[in-house]
Amino acid sequence: MAEVINMPRLSDTMEEGTLSKWFKKVGDTVKEGEILAEIETDKATMEFESFHDGVLLHIGIDEGSTAPVDSVIAIIGSKGEDISSILKNDNSVVKEEPKPVVKEEPKPIAKEEPKPVVAEQQKQVSTTNESNDRVLISPLARKLADEKGVDISSVKGSGDNGRIIKRDIDSFKHSNYSQFSQPRPQLSESSYETQNSTMRKAIAKRLADSKFSAPHYYLNVELEMDNMISFRKQFIQTQNIKISFNDIIAKAVSLSLAKHPKVNSRWYDDKIIFNEHVHLGVAVAVEDGLIVPVVKYANSKDLPQINTEIKDFAGRAKDKKLTPAEIEGSTFTISNLGMFGIESFTSIINQPNSAILSIGAIVQKPIIKNNEIMIGNTMKLTLACDHRTVDGATGSLFLKTLKEYIENPVSILI
């Protein structure tokens, strides 16, 4: 019996999907577990496996087309099986509506009026003394050329039939006024357009919903990073594991969130959920936009584990190999633009989370220690909070705890 394949819901926010690529064509044999197609969701492009054995009898959506979740995208059955009743009775099968044929009324043929022939007056035509070729030039242009010593055989006319007119002599004089002058480059306007991807449309919708529905406010703090720099160097030397500053900050954030569940919360219209576990979302830039893989139970993982997961997520995110489970369920998000030299910025909350942390670059600058000015390293953090769940004092206490962990990173290991 034929099996109907529907557009799967590959993420909790997915409403439609784009069929990026078919790996099978009608008539091909399909085995359970084989990759049937590649589907672009609002968060990533994912490979879709077949759950049935058989022959691909019907493709309901072409490559590059978009269809709502649960739309029929394919039918798998036995070779030669009649599926006409399925196509007829199932209203969810994606079909192309025939375009109406519009007959164009024949346009009346307009008779062309004969154009009057205007004789060129002899005085408008001049012949060069150096050549037997005729050069069309207006009397005024001829006079200007003689006055300025312009060789009209070197001038390109812009008038009718290549006729040289006054502006041609003026422009020729201007562009050759000096042996040092250079011809001006021709400037042209250029632009191009591209269709918005499913991911880009979803990012626009979700961020707009977040920005205009959640009352954002921002808390800024600047931290001393000298101890963090020394800590990272010693950790790499003793453990022989290369960790990044982002890994250490991710661990410090996770430990701080465990102490401040109000910041690690989710807002819903009828309730607030305070999470004691920490599922840390880490924003990763990809070609089509931004994706947020999630380090589950980050507060209970050590630095090498966090390093391995984030590195793995980043690599597979760019190759579009993340699974739905790996990009869902975050309770808090961090976004780091420090590697691009950005010192400070604000982020839009990744709803339904209540907050997001923006991480800037480590900057060397003069600082005051023990009433003395010295060179030190600092970093700026910006916490964006949803005022419906996180009050100013609550967010400030979270940043105070985070500051203690980052400025005394040995405490992360305790």
Protein backbone atom coordinates (compact mmCIF):
# COMPACT_ATOMS: atom_id res chain seq x y z
CA MET A 1 0.00 0.00 0.00
CA ALA A 2 1.27 3.45 -0.92
CA GLU A 3 2.64 5.64 1.88
CA VAL A 4 2.11 9.39 1.84
CA ILE A 5 5.14 11.51 2.86
CA ASN A 6 4.22 14.84 4.45
CA MET A 7 6.29 17.97 4.96
CA PRO A 8 7.76 17.25 8.43
CA ARG A 9 7.79 19.69 11.33
CA LEU A 10 11.53 19.82 11.96
CA SER A 11 11.50 22.55 14.60
CA ASP A 12 9.05 23.80 17.20
CA THR A 13 8.54 27.08 15.32
CA MET A 14 8.44 25.69 11.79
CA GLU A 15 5.33 26.61 9.79
CA GLU A 16 6.57 25.83 6.28
CA GLY A 17 9.58 24.26 4.63
CA THR A 18 11.47 24.69 1.38
CA LEU A 19 12.47 21.60 -0.59
CA SER A 20 16.11 22.41 -1.29
CA LYS A 21 17.07 19.20 -3.07
CA TRP A 22 15.68 15.80 -4.04
CA PHE A 23 18.10 12.87 -3.81
CA LYS A 24 15.62 10.57 -5.54
CA LYS A 25 13.47 10.91 -8.63
CA VAL A 26 10.16 9.32 -9.58
CA GLY A 27 10.70 5.63 -10.33
CA ASP A 28 13.75 5.25 -8.05
CA THR A 29 13.85 2.54 -5.41
CA VAL A 30 13.85 3.92 -1.86
CA LYS A 31 15.00 2.04 1.22
CA GLU A 32 14.18 2.86 4.82
CA GLY A 33 16.86 5.15 6.26
CA GLU A 34 18.00 6.51 2.89
CA ILE A 35 18.20 10.26 2.45
CA LEU A 36 15.14 11.24 0.46
CA ALA A 37 15.47 15.01 0.33
CA GLU A 38 17.07 18.10 1.84
CA ILE A 39 14.59 20.46 3.52
CA GLU A 40 15.26 24.05 4.58
CA THR A 41 13.43 25.02 7.77
CA ASP A 42 13.25 28.30 9.64
CA LYS A 43 16.43 27.35 11.52
CA ALA A 44 18.58 25.15 9.30
CA THR A 45 18.74 22.96 6.20
CA MET A 46 18.38 19.30 7.18
CA GLU A 47 18.48 15.94 5.47
CA PHE A 48 15.16 14.07 5.53
CA GLU A 49 15.27 10.28 5.71
CA SER A 50 12.68 7.88 4.31
CA PHE A 51 10.81 5.76 6.84
CA HIS A 52 9.51 3.35 4.18
CA ASP A 53 10.75 0.87 1.57
CA GLY A 54 9.40 1.02 -1.96
CA VAL A 55 9.43 3.03 -5.15
CA LEU A 56 9.07 6.80 -5.33
CA LEU A 57 5.78 7.11 -7.22
CA HIS A 58 5.08 10.83 -6.92
CA ILE A 59 6.86 14.08 -6.10
CA GLY A 60 4.45 16.77 -4.94
CA ILE A 61 6.82 19.73 -4.65
CA ASP A 62 9.67 20.78 -6.90
CA GLU A 63 13.14 21.77 -5.76
CA GLY A 64 13.20 25.36 -4.51
CA SER A 65 9.46 25.40 -3.77
CA THR A 66 7.92 26.00 -0.35
CA ALA A 67 4.98 24.17 1.24
CA PRO A 68 3.23 24.28 4.64
CA VAL A 69 3.93 21.67 7.31
CA ASP A 70 1.94 18.42 6.70
CA SER A 71 1.58 19.09 2.97
CA VAL A 72 2.09 15.96 0.87
CA ILE A 73 5.52 16.14 -0.71
CA ALA A 74 5.88 12.58 -1.99
CA ILE A 75 4.26 9.14 -2.25
CA ILE A 76 6.14 5.85 -1.88
CA GLY A 77 4.60 2.50 -2.84
CA SER A 78 4.97 -0.59 -5.01
CA LYS A 79 6.12 -0.36 -8.60
CA GLY A 80 3.17 0.29 -10.91
CA GLU A 81 0.76 0.93 -8.04
CA ASP A 82 -2.21 3.15 -8.89
CA ILE A 83 -2.14 6.31 -6.75
CA SER A 84 -4.68 8.32 -8.73
CA SER A 85 -7.26 7.98 -5.94
CA ILE A 86 -4.78 9.38 -3.40
CA LEU A 87 -3.95 12.34 -5.61
CA LYS A 88 -7.64 12.95 -6.25
CA ASN A 89 -8.93 12.65 -2.70
CA ASP A 90 -6.07 14.17 -0.71
CA ASN A 91 -6.52 17.93 -0.71
CA SER A 92 -3.13 18.46 0.94
CA VAL A 93 -1.19 17.24 -2.09
CA VAL A 94 0.76 20.15 -3.48
CA LYS A 95 -0.34 20.78 -7.04
CA GLU A 96 0.38 23.50 -9.49
CA GLU A 97 -2.74 25.34 -10.55
CA PRO A 98 -2.97 25.72 -14.33
CA LYS A 99 -2.50 29.29 -15.36
CA PRO A 100 -5.41 30.73 -17.35
CA VAL A 101 -4.65 31.35 -21.00
CA VAL A 102 -5.36 34.93 -21.93
CA LYS A 103 -5.97 35.55 -25.58
CA GLU A 104 -4.54 38.79 -26.77
CA GLU A 105 -6.71 40.88 -29.06
CA PRO A 106 -4.92 41.62 -32.34
CA LYS A 107 -3.59 45.12 -32.28
CA PRO A 108 -4.51 47.37 -35.21
CA ILE A 109 -1.59 47.87 -37.50
CA ALA A 110 -0.68 51.52 -37.60
CA LYS A 111 0.27 52.92 -40.94
CA GLU A 112 3.60 54.61 -40.94
CA GLU A 113 3.55 58.11 -42.30
CA PRO A 114 6.39 58.78 -44.73
CA LYS A 115 9.05 60.87 -43.10
CA PRO A 116 9.89 64.09 -44.88
CA VAL A 117 13.30 64.09 -46.43
CA VAL A 118 15.37 67.03 -45.28
CA ALA A 119 18.21 67.90 -47.53
CA GLU A 120 21.47 68.58 -45.82
CA GLN A 121 22.65 72.01 -46.71
CA GLN A 122 26.03 72.23 -48.29
CA LYS A 123 27.29 74.68 -45.72
CA GLN A 124 26.80 72.11 -42.93
CA VAL A 125 29.24 69.68 -44.49
CA SER A 126 32.96 70.25 -44.53
CA THR A 127 35.81 68.20 -45.86
CA THR A 128 39.22 67.96 -44.20
CA ASN A 129 42.24 69.15 -46.14
CA GLU A 130 44.34 66.20 -45.03
CA SER A 131 41.94 63.47 -46.16
CA ASN A 132 39.51 62.67 -48.94
CA ASP A 133 37.00 61.28 -46.36
CA ARG A 134 33.99 63.46 -45.68
CA VAL A 135 33.50 64.58 -42.04
CA LEU A 136 30.04 65.71 -40.97
CA ILE A 137 30.39 68.80 -38.80
CA SER A 138 28.20 71.76 -37.98
CA PRO A 139 29.43 75.26 -38.97
CA LEU A 140 29.69 76.32 -35.31
CA ALA A 141 31.65 73.21 -34.40
CA ARG A 142 33.93 73.82 -37.40
CA LYS A 143 34.59 77.38 -36.27
CA LEU A 144 35.39 76.27 -32.68
CA ALA A 145 37.70 73.55 -33.97
CA ASP A 146 39.64 76.04 -36.08
CA GLU A 147 39.93 78.48 -33.16
CA LYS A 148 41.16 75.83 -30.72
CA GLY A 149 43.35 73.94 -33.15
CA VAL A 150 41.39 70.71 -32.85
CA ASP A 151 41.95 68.05 -35.49
CA ILE A 152 38.36 67.17 -36.39
CA SER A 153 39.44 63.80 -37.78
CA SER A 154 40.21 62.79 -34.17
CA VAL A 155 36.82 63.88 -32.84
CA LYS A 156 33.93 61.42 -32.53
CA GLY A 157 30.61 63.05 -33.37
CA SER A 158 27.55 62.56 -31.17
CA GLY A 159 25.01 64.16 -33.47
CA ASP A 160 22.81 62.53 -36.13
CA ASN A 161 24.77 60.13 -38.36
CA GLY A 162 27.91 60.81 -36.31
CA ARG A 163 27.82 64.54 -37.04
CA ILE A 164 30.26 66.62 -34.94
CA ILE A 165 28.54 69.33 -32.96
CA LYS A 166 29.64 72.03 -30.52
CA ARG A 167 29.62 69.84 -27.39
CA ASP A 168 31.94 67.30 -29.08
CA ILE A 169 34.58 70.00 -29.64
CA ASP A 170 34.12 71.30 -26.07
CA SER A 171 34.43 67.84 -24.51
CA PHE A 172 37.41 66.98 -26.72
CA LYS A 173 39.16 70.16 -25.59
CA HIS A 174 38.32 69.42 -21.94
CA SER A 175 39.60 65.85 -21.91
CA ASN A 176 42.82 66.81 -23.73
CA TYR A 177 43.44 70.19 -22.13
CA SER A 178 46.62 68.99 -20.49
CA GLN A 179 48.98 66.11 -21.04
CA PHE A 180 48.62 65.40 -17.33
CA SER A 181 44.84 65.14 -17.34
CA GLN A 182 43.32 61.65 -17.13
CA PRO A 183 39.99 60.56 -18.62
CA ARG A 184 37.29 60.34 -15.98
CA PRO A 185 36.06 56.81 -15.26
CA GLN A 186 32.51 56.00 -16.28
CA LEU A 187 30.34 55.54 -13.17
CA SER A 188 27.36 53.23 -13.25
CA GLU A 189 24.78 52.12 -10.72
CA SER A 190 24.64 48.42 -9.92
CA SER A 191 22.34 46.31 -7.76
CA TYR A 192 20.96 42.79 -7.57
CA GLU A 193 18.27 40.96 -5.68
CA THR A 194 17.82 37.50 -4.20
CA GLN A 195 14.81 35.68 -2.82
CA ASN A 196 14.57 35.53 0.99
CA SER A 197 15.36 32.06 2.31
CA THR A 198 13.07 30.29 4.75
CA MET A 199 15.65 30.89 7.49
CA ARG A 200 15.96 34.60 6.72
CA LYS A 201 12.17 35.05 6.73
CA ALA A 202 11.90 33.19 10.04
CA ILE A 203 14.70 35.27 11.61
CA ALA A 204 12.95 38.47 10.53
CA LYS A 205 9.61 37.34 11.92
CA ARG A 206 10.88 36.01 15.24
CA LEU A 207 13.19 38.93 16.00
CA ALA A 208 10.52 41.46 15.08
CA ASP A 209 8.04 39.65 17.34
CA SER A 210 10.59 39.63 20.16
CA LYS A 211 11.68 43.24 19.78
CA PHE A 212 8.16 44.66 19.58
CA SER A 213 6.46 42.37 22.11
CA ALA A 214 9.07 42.01 24.86
CA PRO A 215 9.95 45.22 26.77
CA HIS A 216 13.74 45.11 26.39
CA TYR A 217 16.12 46.95 28.68
CA TYR A 218 19.90 46.70 28.87
CA LEU A 219 22.50 46.39 31.62
CA ASN A 220 26.18 47.06 30.88
CA VAL A 221 29.24 46.01 32.82
CA GLU A 222 33.00 46.19 32.15
CA LEU A 223 35.19 43.42 33.58
CA GLU A 224 38.92 43.08 34.19
CA MET A 225 40.30 40.20 32.12
CA ASP A 226 43.93 39.87 33.23
CA ASN A 227 43.19 36.91 35.54
CA MET A 228 41.12 35.26 32.79
CA ILE A 229 44.00 35.58 30.31
CA SER A 230 46.45 34.00 32.80
CA PHE A 231 43.94 31.27 33.73
CA ARG A 232 43.38 30.25 30.09
CA LYS A 233 47.12 30.14 29.39
CA GLN A 234 47.81 27.95 32.45
CA PHE A 235 44.84 25.66 31.70
CA ILE A 236 46.06 25.02 28.15
CA GLN A 237 49.60 24.33 29.37
CA THR A 238 48.63 21.96 32.21
CA GLN A 239 45.69 20.17 30.57
CA ASN A 240 47.04 20.25 26.99
CA ILE A 241 43.54 21.20 25.84
CA LYS A 242 43.04 24.37 23.85
CA ILE A 243 39.99 26.19 25.17
CA SER A 244 38.74 29.61 24.11
CA PHE A 245 37.69 32.63 26.16
CA ASN A 246 34.16 31.96 24.90
CA ASP A 247 34.25 28.48 26.48
CA ILE A 248 35.25 29.91 29.86
CA ILE A 249 32.59 32.62 29.67
CA ALA A 250 29.96 30.04 28.68
CA LYS A 251 30.82 27.99 31.77
CA ALA A 252 30.79 31.09 34.01
CA VAL A 253 27.40 32.12 32.59
CA SER A 254 25.98 28.65 33.20
CA LEU A 255 27.11 28.60 36.83
CA SER A 256 25.70 32.09 37.36
CA LEU A 257 22.35 31.14 35.84
CA ALA A 258 22.08 28.17 38.17
CA LYS A 259 22.23 30.66 41.06
CA HIS A 260 19.73 33.03 39.43
CA PRO A 261 16.83 30.99 37.98
CA LYS A 262 14.74 34.14 37.48
CA VAL A 263 17.13 35.15 34.72
CA ASN A 264 17.08 31.58 33.42
CA SER A 265 13.34 31.75 32.82
CA ARG A 266 10.73 31.72 30.09
CA TRP A 267 7.75 34.02 29.66
CA TYR A 268 4.34 32.75 28.56
CA ASP A 269 1.08 34.67 28.53
CA ASP A 270 -0.33 32.72 31.47
CA LYS A 271 2.81 31.72 33.38
CA ILE A 272 6.56 32.09 33.94
CA ILE A 273 8.74 28.99 33.98
CA PHE A 274 11.89 29.20 36.13
CA ASN A 275 14.50 26.67 34.98
CA GLU A 276 16.92 25.13 37.45
CA HIS A 277 18.76 23.36 34.64
CA VAL A 278 20.76 25.43 32.13
CA HIS A 279 20.39 24.79 28.42
CA LEU A 280 22.76 27.39 27.01
CA GLY A 281 22.13 28.64 23.47
CA VAL A 282 25.27 29.76 21.63
CA ALA A 283 24.65 32.02 18.61
CA VAL A 284 26.56 30.88 15.51
CA ALA A 285 26.76 32.89 12.29
CA VAL A 286 26.03 30.88 9.13
CA GLU A 287 25.74 31.88 5.48
CA ASP A 288 21.97 32.44 5.56
CA GLY A 289 21.82 34.17 8.95
CA LEU A 290 22.07 32.99 12.52
CA ILE A 291 21.49 29.66 14.23
CA VAL A 292 21.52 28.89 17.96
CA PRO A 293 22.64 25.35 18.88
CA VAL A 294 22.08 24.44 22.52
CA VAL A 295 24.57 23.05 25.05
CA LYS A 296 22.28 20.98 27.28
CA TYR A 297 22.92 21.01 31.05
CA ALA A 298 25.88 23.34 30.51
CA ASN A 299 26.22 24.08 34.25
CA SER A 300 27.10 20.43 34.93
CA LYS A 301 29.73 20.13 32.17
CA ASP A 302 33.42 20.93 32.48
CA LEU A 303 35.41 23.24 30.21
CA PRO A 304 36.72 20.54 27.80
CA GLN A 305 33.18 19.20 27.33
CA ILE A 306 31.79 22.67 26.62
CA ASN A 307 34.69 23.37 24.25
CA THR A 308 34.06 20.13 22.32
CA GLU A 309 30.32 20.70 21.99
CA ILE A 310 30.52 24.33 20.90
CA LYS A 311 33.25 23.56 18.35
CA ASP A 312 31.25 20.63 17.00
CA PHE A 313 28.03 22.65 16.80
CA ALA A 314 29.75 25.52 15.00
CA GLY A 315 31.25 23.22 12.38
CA ARG A 316 28.04 21.30 11.72
CA ALA A 317 25.93 24.48 11.74
CA LYS A 318 27.92 25.83 8.79
CA ASP A 319 27.55 22.47 7.01
CA LYS A 320 23.79 22.43 7.78
CA LYS A 321 24.08 19.16 9.68
CA LEU A 322 22.47 20.05 13.02
CA THR A 323 19.43 18.05 14.13
CA PRO A 324 16.19 19.64 15.41
CA ALA A 325 16.92 18.46 18.96
CA GLU A 326 20.26 20.31 18.94
CA ILE A 327 18.72 23.73 18.20
CA GLU A 328 15.70 23.65 20.51
CA GLY A 329 15.05 24.16 24.21
CA SER A 330 17.49 26.92 25.16
CA THR A 331 16.85 28.70 28.46
CA PHE A 332 19.41 31.50 27.90
CA THR A 333 21.56 32.65 24.97
CA ILE A 334 25.02 34.16 24.56
CA SER A 335 26.22 36.04 21.47
CA ASN A 336 29.92 36.81 21.03
CA LEU A 337 31.19 39.34 18.47
CA GLY A 338 34.49 39.94 20.22
CA MET A 339 36.39 37.98 17.57
CA PHE A 340 35.27 40.63 15.05
CA GLY A 341 36.70 43.44 17.17
CA ILE A 342 33.29 44.66 18.39
CA GLU A 343 33.77 46.16 21.85
CA SER A 344 30.11 46.53 22.83
CA PHE A 345 26.71 45.75 21.30
CA THR A 346 23.13 44.82 22.20
CA SER A 347 21.22 41.73 21.12
CA ILE A 348 17.53 40.93 20.67
CA ILE A 349 16.18 38.32 23.10
CA ASN A 350 15.77 34.82 21.69
CA GLN A 351 12.21 34.21 22.87
CA PRO A 352 10.78 32.58 24.90
CA ASN A 353 14.03 33.15 26.85
CA SER A 354 13.98 36.09 29.24
CA ALA A 355 17.50 37.39 28.53
CA ILE A 356 20.51 37.27 26.23
CA LEU A 357 24.13 38.21 26.90
CA SER A 358 26.23 40.14 24.36
CA ILE A 359 30.00 39.58 24.68
CA GLY A 360 32.48 42.14 23.36
CA ALA A 361 36.19 42.04 22.57
CA ILE A 362 39.00 41.99 25.13
CA VAL A 363 40.63 45.43 24.91
CA GLN A 364 43.98 46.59 26.34
CA LYS A 365 43.67 50.01 27.95
CA PRO A 366 44.82 52.11 30.92
CA ILE A 367 43.06 51.08 34.13
CA ILE A 368 43.36 52.12 37.77
CA LYS A 369 44.53 49.53 40.33
CA ASN A 370 45.50 50.40 43.88
CA ASN A 371 45.26 54.11 43.03
CA GLU A 372 47.78 53.69 40.22
CA ILE A 373 47.33 53.87 36.46
CA MET A 374 48.54 50.79 34.63
CA ILE A 375 47.88 48.89 31.42
CA GLY A 376 45.23 46.20 31.77
CA ASN A 377 42.73 44.17 29.75
CA THR A 378 38.98 44.67 29.97
CA MET A 379 35.84 43.29 28.35
CA LYS A 380 32.31 44.71 28.12
CA LEU A 381 29.15 42.64 28.56
CA THR A 382 25.60 43.75 27.81
CA LEU A 383 22.63 41.89 29.27
CA ALA A 384 19.33 42.38 27.42
CA CYS A 385 16.40 41.55 29.71
CA ASP A 386 12.66 41.08 29.27
CA HIS A 387 11.19 43.36 31.94
CA ARG A 388 8.15 41.10 32.25
CA THR A 389 10.28 38.45 33.94
CA VAL A 390 13.62 40.04 34.90
CA ASP A 391 13.63 43.21 36.97
CA GLY A 392 16.61 45.53 37.06
CA ALA A 393 17.82 44.33 40.46
CA THR A 394 17.50 40.69 39.37
CA GLY A 395 19.58 41.26 36.25
CA SER A 396 22.16 43.26 38.20
CA LEU A 397 22.64 40.48 40.79
CA PHE A 398 23.17 37.99 37.97
CA LEU A 399 25.87 40.20 36.44
CA LYS A 400 27.51 40.62 39.84
CA THR A 401 27.81 36.84 40.20
CA LEU A 402 29.08 36.51 36.63
CA LYS A 403 31.67 39.24 37.27
CA GLU A 404 33.01 37.29 40.27
CA TYR A 405 33.41 34.13 38.21
CA ILE A 406 35.10 35.85 35.25
CA GLU A 407 37.48 38.03 37.28
CA ASN A 408 38.37 35.04 39.49
CA PRO A 409 38.17 32.17 37.01
CA VAL A 410 39.76 29.62 39.35
CA SER A 411 36.39 29.58 41.16
CA ILE A 412 34.88 27.99 38.04
CA LEU A 413 36.84 24.82 38.78
CA ILE A 414 35.75 24.60 42.42
